[in-house]
Amino acid sequence: MGTAAPQRYSLAHLTILDTPTPELVRIAHRTGYDYVSPRLICHGLPGDDYSLATNPTLLAQTRAALADTGIPVHDIELARIVEGLDPRVYEPEIAVGAELGATGVLTSIWVPDRPFYLDAFGRLADLVASYGMTLNLEFVPIAAVRNLAGAVDVLRETQRSNARLMIDLHHFHRSRDRVEDLDGLPPEWFEFCHLCDAPGEIPADVEKMTHILRAARSYVGEGGINPAATLAHLPPLLHSIELPNEREEVERGAEGHARRCLETAKAYFAQPAA
């Protein structure tokens, strides 16, 4: 009888967002991750701008860190679809991501105009495909495409062979989706998920929800969203740990927090099934 392949983990940049990309790579390596998922596309996002396409020094340092550690890049973020977007604006960062070995680009949709975002998603998928990468759609409960049904609609309407659906366990819980709704979706739609835990109570206040999303998620097994219950309805995939927690990062430091994220995830999945 064959042995199941070991679970693979990537360190998502949002977990320790203030960490420059070269150090993100080195922390991922030192703490035992299999991959790293840097934020190279920073257009309009909070936090420091780590776009390697516009910073030759940071790009050289990142190349050196990747060469020194041997850790591969899994996916890059975040190519948001916003009002008036021309997807070509992201091409410099997508090209750098492809050069560094990334296999996927993460996107989310923040404009409510459905005809516009369907067209933009299709054009972005085509651009990403020209670099040999997949485009992974993440639904976010504070965005325009905020739940599983909305994301499925995008993939079915645009019909791009390189389009994927990325489930963030925090967002899945906050959108009040049902795990049964994952059943029957094409398994080839899924390449990785964002792994984390969070308080079980869903805030009614958008500001509080946003704070938890960006700065107060829980270590896996220490929250109330039951990650295993959702993952049981998905095919085997890579777990990209996206677990920002300001308090824990201040207490442990960026590296200590990243290490604790991986340790708790591995301990959680090592437990016997209930």
C-alpha atoms as a PDB file:
ATOM      1  CA  MET A   1       0.000   0.000   0.000  1.00  0.00           C
ATOM      2  CA  GLY A   2       1.350   3.434  -0.924  1.00  0.00           C
ATOM      3  CA  THR A   3       2.190   6.095   1.602  1.00  0.00           C
ATOM      4  CA  ALA A   4       0.468   9.452   1.411  1.00  0.00           C
ATOM      5  CA  ALA A   5       2.733  12.298   0.377  1.00  0.00           C
ATOM      6  CA  PRO A   6       3.723  14.570   3.275  1.00  0.00           C
ATOM      7  CA  GLN A   7       1.797  17.796   3.648  1.00  0.00           C
ATOM      8  CA  ARG A   8       3.589  20.786   2.134  1.00  0.00           C
ATOM      9  CA  TYR A   9       3.522  24.298   3.577  1.00  0.00           C
ATOM     10  CA  SER A  10       4.253  27.770   2.247  1.00  0.00           C
ATOM     11  CA  LEU A  11       4.816  30.937   4.282  1.00  0.00           C
ATOM     12  CA  ALA A  12       2.473  33.661   3.011  1.00  0.00           C
ATOM     13  CA  HIS A  13       3.819  37.194   3.261  1.00  0.00           C
ATOM     14  CA  LEU A  14       0.762  38.546   5.112  1.00  0.00           C
ATOM     15  CA  THR A  15       1.731  36.393   8.104  1.00  0.00           C
ATOM     16  CA  ILE A  16       4.752  38.646   8.686  1.00  0.00           C
ATOM     17  CA  LEU A  17       3.957  41.461   6.281  1.00  0.00           C
ATOM     18  CA  ASP A  18       6.504  43.979   7.597  1.00  0.00           C
ATOM     19  CA  THR A  19       9.342  41.581   6.753  1.00  0.00           C
ATOM     20  CA  PRO A  20      11.291  42.502   3.582  1.00  0.00           C
ATOM     21  CA  THR A  21      11.118  39.841   0.891  1.00  0.00           C
ATOM     22  CA  PRO A  22      14.721  38.540   1.190  1.00  0.00           C
ATOM     23  CA  GLU A  23      14.282  38.023   4.939  1.00  0.00           C
ATOM     24  CA  LEU A  24      10.870  36.427   4.357  1.00  0.00           C
ATOM     25  CA  VAL A  25      12.644  33.837   2.200  1.00  0.00           C
ATOM     26  CA  ARG A  26      15.311  33.196   4.824  1.00  0.00           C
ATOM     27  CA  ILE A  27      12.778  32.937   7.653  1.00  0.00           C
ATOM     28  CA  ALA A  28      10.710  30.458   5.650  1.00  0.00           C
ATOM     29  CA  HIS A  29      13.833  28.362   5.163  1.00  0.00           C
ATOM     30  CA  ARG A  30      15.043  28.558   8.770  1.00  0.00           C
ATOM     31  CA  THR A  31      11.657  27.676  10.213  1.00  0.00           C
ATOM     32  CA  GLY A  32      11.026  24.659   7.979  1.00  0.00           C
ATOM     33  CA  TYR A  33       8.561  25.736   5.318  1.00  0.00           C
ATOM     34  CA  ASP A  34       8.620  24.042   1.916  1.00  0.00           C
ATOM     35  CA  TYR A  35       7.808  27.199  -0.081  1.00  0.00           C
ATOM     36  CA  VAL A  36       7.443  30.937   0.248  1.00  0.00           C
ATOM     37  CA  SER A  37       4.573  33.106  -1.067  1.00  0.00           C
ATOM     38  CA  PRO A  38       5.739  36.739  -1.286  1.00  0.00           C
ATOM     39  CA  ARG A  39       3.693  39.854  -1.915  1.00  0.00           C
ATOM     40  CA  LEU A  40       5.256  41.291  -5.067  1.00  0.00           C
ATOM     41  CA  ILE A  41       2.161  43.176  -6.279  1.00  0.00           C
ATOM     42  CA  CYS A  42       1.548  45.962  -3.767  1.00  0.00           C
ATOM     43  CA  HIS A  43      -0.647  48.380  -5.745  1.00  0.00           C
ATOM     44  CA  GLY A  44      -2.880  50.235  -3.259  1.00  0.00           C
ATOM     45  CA  LEU A  45      -2.368  47.725  -0.444  1.00  0.00           C
ATOM     46  CA  PRO A  46      -1.493  48.628   3.161  1.00  0.00           C
ATOM     47  CA  GLY A  47       2.049  47.963   4.295  1.00  0.00           C
ATOM     48  CA  ASP A  48       5.448  48.466   2.737  1.00  0.00           C
ATOM     49  CA  ASP A  49       5.921  48.215  -1.025  1.00  0.00           C
ATOM     50  CA  TYR A  50       7.990  45.125  -1.802  1.00  0.00           C
ATOM     51  CA  SER A  51       7.518  45.237  -5.562  1.00  0.00           C
ATOM     52  CA  LEU A  52      10.746  43.711  -6.849  1.00  0.00           C
ATOM     53  CA  ALA A  53      10.041  45.004 -10.350  1.00  0.00           C
ATOM     54  CA  THR A  54      10.650  48.577  -9.158  1.00  0.00           C
ATOM     55  CA  ASN A  55      13.476  47.891  -6.689  1.00  0.00           C
ATOM     56  CA  PRO A  56      16.567  46.334  -8.331  1.00  0.00           C
ATOM     57  CA  THR A  57      18.436  46.111  -5.019  1.00  0.00           C
ATOM     58  CA  LEU A  58      15.619  44.227  -3.293  1.00  0.00           C
ATOM     59  CA  LEU A  59      15.280  41.962  -6.341  1.00  0.00           C
ATOM     60  CA  ALA A  60      18.992  41.116  -6.247  1.00  0.00           C
ATOM     61  CA  GLN A  61      18.800  40.416  -2.521  1.00  0.00           C
ATOM     62  CA  THR A  62      15.760  38.204  -3.022  1.00  0.00           C
ATOM     63  CA  ARG A  63      17.469  36.273  -5.823  1.00  0.00           C
ATOM     64  CA  ALA A  64      20.453  35.732  -3.500  1.00  0.00           C
ATOM     65  CA  ALA A  65      18.226  34.546  -0.644  1.00  0.00           C
ATOM     66  CA  LEU A  66      16.435  32.083  -2.913  1.00  0.00           C
ATOM     67  CA  ALA A  67      19.747  30.781  -4.260  1.00  0.00           C
ATOM     68  CA  ASP A  68      21.280  30.490  -0.786  1.00  0.00           C
ATOM     69  CA  THR A  69      18.333  28.664   0.760  1.00  0.00           C
ATOM     70  CA  GLY A  70      17.042  26.659  -2.189  1.00  0.00           C
ATOM     71  CA  ILE A  71      13.473  27.327  -1.062  1.00  0.00           C
ATOM     72  CA  PRO A  72      11.102  27.739  -4.021  1.00  0.00           C
ATOM     73  CA  VAL A  73       8.530  30.463  -4.591  1.00  0.00           C
ATOM     74  CA  HIS A  74       5.017  29.036  -4.787  1.00  0.00           C
ATOM     75  CA  ASP A  75       2.673  31.925  -5.608  1.00  0.00           C
ATOM     76  CA  ILE A  76       2.755  35.708  -5.592  1.00  0.00           C
ATOM     77  CA  GLU A  77       0.115  38.209  -4.549  1.00  0.00           C
ATOM     78  CA  LEU A  78      -1.985  40.343  -4.872  1.00  0.00           C
ATOM     79  CA  ALA A  79      -3.325  41.222  -8.328  1.00  0.00           C
ATOM     80  CA  ARG A  80      -6.583  42.791  -7.181  1.00  0.00           C
ATOM     81  CA  ILE A  81      -9.342  43.518  -9.671  1.00  0.00           C
ATOM     82  CA  VAL A  82     -10.463  47.061  -8.891  1.00  0.00           C
ATOM     83  CA  GLU A  83     -12.382  49.776 -10.701  1.00  0.00           C
ATOM     84  CA  GLY A  84     -10.848  50.723 -14.052  1.00  0.00           C
ATOM     85  CA  LEU A  85      -8.152  48.040 -13.867  1.00  0.00           C
ATOM     86  CA  ASP A  86      -6.070  47.300 -16.930  1.00  0.00           C
ATOM     87  CA  PRO A  87      -4.470  43.936 -16.021  1.00  0.00           C
ATOM     88  CA  ARG A  88      -1.334  44.887 -17.933  1.00  0.00           C
ATOM     89  CA  VAL A  89      -0.390  47.180 -15.043  1.00  0.00           C
ATOM     90  CA  TYR A  90       0.615  44.040 -13.141  1.00  0.00           C
ATOM     91  CA  GLU A  91       2.813  42.595 -15.880  1.00  0.00           C
ATOM     92  CA  PRO A  92       6.192  43.779 -14.515  1.00  0.00           C
ATOM     93  CA  GLU A  93       5.592  42.033 -11.181  1.00  0.00           C
ATOM     94  CA  ILE A  94       4.109  38.949 -12.850  1.00  0.00           C
ATOM     95  CA  ALA A  95       7.202  38.708 -15.054  1.00  0.00           C
ATOM     96  CA  VAL A  96       9.486  38.913 -12.011  1.00  0.00           C
ATOM     97  CA  GLY A  97       7.406  36.300 -10.200  1.00  0.00           C
ATOM     98  CA  ALA A  98       7.718  33.954 -13.163  1.00  0.00           C
ATOM     99  CA  GLU A  99      11.460  34.565 -13.304  1.00  0.00           C
ATOM    100  CA  LEU A 100      11.739  33.624  -9.621  1.00  0.00           C
ATOM    101  CA  GLY A 101       9.846  30.378 -10.232  1.00  0.00           C
ATOM    102  CA  ALA A 102       6.358  31.205  -9.009  1.00  0.00           C
ATOM    103  CA  THR A 103       3.667  28.922 -10.395  1.00  0.00           C
ATOM    104  CA  GLY A 104       0.620  30.994  -9.456  1.00  0.00           C
ATOM    105  CA  VAL A 105      -0.730  34.513  -9.014  1.00  0.00           C
ATOM    106  CA  LEU A 106      -3.372  35.355  -6.401  1.00  0.00           C
ATOM    107  CA  THR A 107      -6.259  37.679  -7.214  1.00  0.00           C
ATOM    108  CA  SER A 108      -9.446  38.987  -5.594  1.00  0.00           C
ATOM    109  CA  ILE A 109     -12.300  41.131  -6.894  1.00  0.00           C
ATOM    110  CA  TRP A 110     -13.158  44.491  -5.313  1.00  0.00           C
ATOM    111  CA  VAL A 111     -15.408  46.124  -7.917  1.00  0.00           C
ATOM    112  CA  PRO A 112     -19.144  45.224  -8.050  1.00  0.00           C
ATOM    113  CA  ASP A 113     -19.572  45.678 -11.825  1.00  0.00           C
ATOM    114  CA  ARG A 114     -19.940  42.031 -12.900  1.00  0.00           C
ATOM    115  CA  PRO A 115     -19.412  42.493 -16.674  1.00  0.00           C
ATOM    116  CA  PHE A 116     -16.305  44.549 -15.921  1.00  0.00           C
ATOM    117  CA  TYR A 117     -14.777  42.127 -13.453  1.00  0.00           C
ATOM    118  CA  LEU A 118     -15.516  39.081 -15.608  1.00  0.00           C
ATOM    119  CA  ASP A 119     -13.735  40.732 -18.528  1.00  0.00           C
ATOM    120  CA  ALA A 120     -10.837  41.866 -16.335  1.00  0.00           C
ATOM    121  CA  PHE A 121     -10.469  38.429 -14.763  1.00  0.00           C
ATOM    122  CA  GLY A 122     -10.366  36.769 -18.178  1.00  0.00           C
ATOM    123  CA  ARG A 123      -7.740  39.202 -19.457  1.00  0.00           C
ATOM    124  CA  LEU A 124      -5.684  38.813 -16.284  1.00  0.00           C
ATOM    125  CA  ALA A 125      -5.869  35.026 -16.591  1.00  0.00           C
ATOM    126  CA  ASP A 126      -4.637  35.258 -20.191  1.00  0.00           C
ATOM    127  CA  LEU A 127      -1.754  37.516 -19.159  1.00  0.00           C
ATOM    128  CA  VAL A 128      -0.761  35.162 -16.344  1.00  0.00           C
ATOM    129  CA  ALA A 129      -1.024  32.167 -18.700  1.00  0.00           C
ATOM    130  CA  SER A 130       1.454  33.791 -21.061  1.00  0.00           C
ATOM    131  CA  TYR A 131       4.012  33.418 -18.250  1.00  0.00           C
ATOM    132  CA  GLY A 132       3.058  29.791 -17.607  1.00  0.00           C
ATOM    133  CA  MET A 133       1.237  30.452 -14.339  1.00  0.00           C
ATOM    134  CA  THR A 134      -2.208  29.873 -12.872  1.00  0.00           C
ATOM    135  CA  LEU A 135      -4.542  32.632 -11.665  1.00  0.00           C
ATOM    136  CA  ASN A 136      -6.018  31.804  -8.264  1.00  0.00           C
ATOM    137  CA  LEU A 137      -9.217  33.611  -7.259  1.00  0.00           C
ATOM    138  CA  GLU A 138      -9.722  34.280  -3.555  1.00  0.00           C
ATOM    139  CA  PHE A 139     -13.119  35.437  -2.345  1.00  0.00           C
ATOM    140  CA  VAL A 140     -13.028  37.862   0.583  1.00  0.00           C
ATOM    141  CA  PRO A 141     -16.072  38.665   2.759  1.00  0.00           C
ATOM    142  CA  ILE A 142     -15.341  42.415   2.698  1.00  0.00           C
ATOM    143  CA  ALA A 143     -14.800  42.502  -1.091  1.00  0.00           C
ATOM    144  CA  ALA A 144     -17.211  42.494  -4.051  1.00  0.00           C
ATOM    145  CA  VAL A 145     -16.845  38.763  -4.758  1.00  0.00           C
ATOM    146  CA  ARG A 146     -17.291  37.725  -1.175  1.00  0.00           C
ATOM    147  CA  ASN A 147     -18.372  34.089  -1.103  1.00  0.00           C
ATOM    148  CA  LEU A 148     -17.975  30.717  -2.740  1.00  0.00           C
ATOM    149  CA  ALA A 149     -20.935  31.120  -5.084  1.00  0.00           C
ATOM    150  CA  GLY A 150     -19.561  34.378  -6.448  1.00  0.00           C
ATOM    151  CA  ALA A 151     -16.124  32.888  -7.076  1.00  0.00           C
ATOM    152  CA  VAL A 152     -17.559  29.775  -8.732  1.00  0.00           C
ATOM    153  CA  ASP A 153     -19.607  32.030 -11.004  1.00  0.00           C
ATOM    154  CA  VAL A 154     -16.433  33.804 -12.146  1.00  0.00           C
ATOM    155  CA  LEU A 155     -14.606  30.590 -13.005  1.00  0.00           C
ATOM    156  CA  ARG A 156     -17.590  29.103 -14.812  1.00  0.00           C
ATOM    157  CA  GLU A 157     -18.317  32.256 -16.795  1.00  0.00           C
ATOM    158  CA  THR A 158     -14.743  33.010 -17.853  1.00  0.00           C
ATOM    159  CA  GLN A 159     -13.748  29.415 -18.716  1.00  0.00           C
ATOM    160  CA  ARG A 160      -9.970  29.903 -18.503  1.00  0.00           C
ATOM    161  CA  SER A 161      -7.989  26.671 -18.250  1.00  0.00           C
ATOM    162  CA  ASN A 162      -5.420  28.260 -15.921  1.00  0.00           C
ATOM    163  CA  ALA A 163      -8.052  29.695 -13.531  1.00  0.00           C
ATOM    164  CA  ARG A 164      -8.157  28.257 -10.022  1.00  0.00           C
ATOM    165  CA  LEU A 165     -10.176  28.757  -6.839  1.00  0.00           C
ATOM    166  CA  MET A 166      -8.234  29.524  -3.668  1.00  0.00           C
ATOM    167  CA  ILE A 167     -10.014  28.894  -0.375  1.00  0.00           C
ATOM    168  CA  ASP A 168      -8.895  30.961   2.594  1.00  0.00           C
ATOM    169  CA  LEU A 169     -10.242  29.185   5.679  1.00  0.00           C
ATOM    170  CA  HIS A 170     -10.845  32.474   7.504  1.00  0.00           C
ATOM    171  CA  HIS A 171     -12.816  33.901   4.585  1.00  0.00           C
ATOM    172  CA  PHE A 172     -14.751  30.671   4.058  1.00  0.00           C
ATOM    173  CA  HIS A 173     -15.970  30.766   7.657  1.00  0.00           C
ATOM    174  CA  ARG A 174     -16.724  34.511   7.602  1.00  0.00           C
ATOM    175  CA  SER A 175     -18.725  34.199   4.372  1.00  0.00           C
ATOM    176  CA  ARG A 176     -20.938  31.589   6.074  1.00  0.00           C
ATOM    177  CA  ASP A 177     -20.443  29.134   3.238  1.00  0.00           C
ATOM    178  CA  ARG A 178     -21.268  25.472   3.728  1.00  0.00           C
ATOM    179  CA  VAL A 179     -18.573  22.824   3.377  1.00  0.00           C
ATOM    180  CA  GLU A 180     -21.013  20.687   1.388  1.00  0.00           C
ATOM    181  CA  ASP A 181     -20.985  23.330  -1.335  1.00  0.00           C
ATOM    182  CA  LEU A 182     -17.374  22.401  -2.077  1.00  0.00           C
ATOM    183  CA  ASP A 183     -18.417  18.885  -3.029  1.00  0.00           C
ATOM    184  CA  GLY A 184     -18.651  18.322  -6.754  1.00  0.00           C
ATOM    185  CA  LEU A 185     -16.476  21.276  -7.755  1.00  0.00           C
ATOM    186  CA  PRO A 186     -13.743  20.248 -10.212  1.00  0.00           C
ATOM    187  CA  PRO A 187     -10.695  19.057  -8.225  1.00  0.00           C
ATOM    188  CA  GLU A 188      -8.398  20.656 -10.803  1.00  0.00           C
ATOM    189  CA  TRP A 189      -9.676  24.049  -9.639  1.00  0.00           C
ATOM    190  CA  PHE A 190      -7.699  23.742  -6.407  1.00  0.00           C
ATOM    191  CA  GLU A 191      -3.932  24.079  -5.994  1.00  0.00           C
ATOM    192  CA  PHE A 192      -3.508  25.621  -2.562  1.00  0.00           C
ATOM    193  CA  CYS A 193      -5.437  27.066   0.358  1.00  0.00           C
ATOM    194  CA  HIS A 194      -4.737  29.749   2.945  1.00  0.00           C
ATOM    195  CA  LEU A 195      -4.481  27.980   6.266  1.00  0.00           C
ATOM    196  CA  CYS A 196      -5.271  29.671   9.572  1.00  0.00           C
ATOM    197  CA  ASP A 197      -7.750  29.622  12.435  1.00  0.00           C
ATOM    198  CA  ALA A 198      -9.799  32.476  13.888  1.00  0.00           C
ATOM    199  CA  PRO A 199     -12.363  33.211  16.582  1.00  0.00           C
ATOM    200  CA  GLY A 200     -15.550  31.293  15.884  1.00  0.00           C
ATOM    201  CA  GLU A 201     -17.840  34.282  16.378  1.00  0.00           C
ATOM    202  CA  ILE A 202     -18.319  36.227  13.162  1.00  0.00           C
ATOM    203  CA  PRO A 203     -18.224  39.995  13.775  1.00  0.00           C
ATOM    204  CA  ALA A 204     -21.129  42.024  12.448  1.00  0.00           C
ATOM    205  CA  ASP A 205     -18.913  45.096  12.342  1.00  0.00           C
ATOM    206  CA  VAL A 206     -16.840  45.374   9.157  1.00  0.00           C
ATOM    207  CA  GLU A 207     -14.002  47.179  10.931  1.00  0.00           C
ATOM    208  CA  LYS A 208     -13.673  44.390  13.484  1.00  0.00           C
ATOM    209  CA  MET A 209     -13.830  41.746  10.773  1.00  0.00           C
ATOM    210  CA  THR A 210     -11.134  43.580   8.824  1.00  0.00           C
ATOM    211  CA  HIS A 211      -8.939  43.813  11.927  1.00  0.00           C
ATOM    212  CA  ILE A 212      -9.142  40.056  12.509  1.00  0.00           C
ATOM    213  CA  LEU A 213      -8.533  39.379   8.811  1.00  0.00           C
ATOM    214  CA  ARG A 214      -5.367  41.495   8.727  1.00  0.00           C
ATOM    215  CA  ALA A 215      -4.002  41.331  12.265  1.00  0.00           C
ATOM    216  CA  ALA A 216      -5.706  38.905  14.658  1.00  0.00           C
ATOM    217  CA  ARG A 217      -6.054  35.422  13.207  1.00  0.00           C
ATOM    218  CA  SER A 218      -5.425  32.408  15.439  1.00  0.00           C
ATOM    219  CA  TYR A 219      -2.921  29.580  15.327  1.00  0.00           C
ATOM    220  CA  VAL A 220      -4.395  26.456  13.762  1.00  0.00           C
ATOM    221  CA  GLY A 221      -6.337  24.524  16.364  1.00  0.00           C
ATOM    222  CA  GLU A 222      -6.529  27.495  18.745  1.00  0.00           C
ATOM    223  CA  GLY A 223      -9.523  29.254  17.176  1.00  0.00           C
ATOM    224  CA  GLY A 224     -13.067  28.255  16.442  1.00  0.00           C
ATOM    225  CA  ILE A 225     -13.421  27.697  12.702  1.00  0.00           C
ATOM    226  CA  ASN A 226     -12.578  23.957  12.510  1.00  0.00           C
ATOM    227  CA  PRO A 227     -10.083  23.967   9.600  1.00  0.00           C
ATOM    228  CA  ALA A 228     -10.154  20.173   9.207  1.00  0.00           C
ATOM    229  CA  ALA A 229     -13.898  20.195   8.508  1.00  0.00           C
ATOM    230  CA  THR A 230     -13.422  22.431   5.471  1.00  0.00           C
ATOM    231  CA  LEU A 231     -10.258  20.739   4.229  1.00  0.00           C
ATOM    232  CA  ALA A 232     -12.034  17.366   4.310  1.00  0.00           C
ATOM    233  CA  HIS A 233     -14.142  18.591   1.386  1.00  0.00           C
ATOM    234  CA  LEU A 234     -11.146  19.669  -0.711  1.00  0.00           C
ATOM    235  CA  PRO A 235      -8.666  17.584  -2.696  1.00  0.00           C
ATOM    236  CA  PRO A 236      -5.091  17.301  -1.389  1.00  0.00           C
ATOM    237  CA  LEU A 237      -3.416  20.677  -1.800  1.00  0.00           C
ATOM    238  CA  LEU A 238      -0.593  22.822  -0.533  1.00  0.00           C
ATOM    239  CA  HIS A 239      -1.244  24.736   2.691  1.00  0.00           C
ATOM    240  CA  SER A 240      -0.055  28.332   2.490  1.00  0.00           C
ATOM    241  CA  ILE A 241      -0.107  29.629   6.052  1.00  0.00           C
ATOM    242  CA  GLU A 242      -1.594  33.115   6.053  1.00  0.00           C
ATOM    243  CA  LEU A 243      -1.927  33.956   9.720  1.00  0.00           C
ATOM    244  CA  PRO A 244      -1.279  37.600  10.616  1.00  0.00           C
ATOM    245  CA  ASN A 245      -1.423  38.265  14.351  1.00  0.00           C
ATOM    246  CA  GLU A 246       0.076  41.532  15.572  1.00  0.00           C
ATOM    247  CA  ARG A 247       0.169  40.551  19.242  1.00  0.00           C
ATOM    248  CA  GLU A 248       1.912  37.242  18.631  1.00  0.00           C
ATOM    249  CA  GLU A 249       4.405  38.793  16.220  1.00  0.00           C
ATOM    250  CA  VAL A 250       5.317  41.505  18.715  1.00  0.00           C
ATOM    251  CA  GLU A 251       5.775  38.905  21.453  1.00  0.00           C
ATOM    252  CA  ARG A 252       7.650  36.296  19.426  1.00  0.00           C
ATOM    253  CA  GLY A 253       9.239  38.349  16.663  1.00  0.00           C
ATOM    254  CA  ALA A 254       8.583  37.686  12.984  1.00  0.00           C
ATOM    255  CA  GLU A 255      10.627  34.489  12.892  1.00  0.00           C
ATOM    256  CA  GLY A 256       9.190  33.163  16.143  1.00  0.00           C
ATOM    257  CA  HIS A 257       5.655  33.817  14.943  1.00  0.00           C
ATOM    258  CA  ALA A 258       6.299  32.130  11.580  1.00  0.00           C
ATOM    259  CA  ARG A 259       7.791  29.132  13.383  1.00  0.00           C
ATOM    260  CA  ARG A 260       4.850  28.893  15.767  1.00  0.00           C
ATOM    261  CA  CYS A 261       2.427  29.034  12.825  1.00  0.00           C
ATOM    262  CA  LEU A 262       4.054  25.978  11.267  1.00  0.00           C
ATOM    263  CA  GLU A 263       4.476  24.096  14.535  1.00  0.00           C
ATOM    264  CA  THR A 264       0.817  24.463  15.498  1.00  0.00           C
ATOM    265  CA  ALA A 265      -0.363  23.507  12.012  1.00  0.00           C
ATOM    266  CA  LYS A 266       1.708  20.336  11.995  1.00  0.00           C
ATOM    267  CA  ALA A 267       0.593  19.447  15.525  1.00  0.00           C
ATOM    268  CA  TYR A 268      -3.051  20.001  14.570  1.00  0.00           C
ATOM    269  CA  PHE A 269      -2.913  17.652  11.590  1.00  0.00           C
ATOM    270  CA  ALA A 270      -0.912  15.058  13.541  1.00  0.00           C
ATOM    271  CA  GLN A 271      -3.853  14.546  15.908  1.00  0.00           C
ATOM    272  CA  PRO A 272      -6.001  11.457  15.336  1.00  0.00           C
ATOM    273  CA  ALA A 273      -9.185  12.192  13.441  1.00  0.00           C
ATOM    274  CA  ALA A 274     -12.168  12.695  15.739  1.00  0.00           C
END
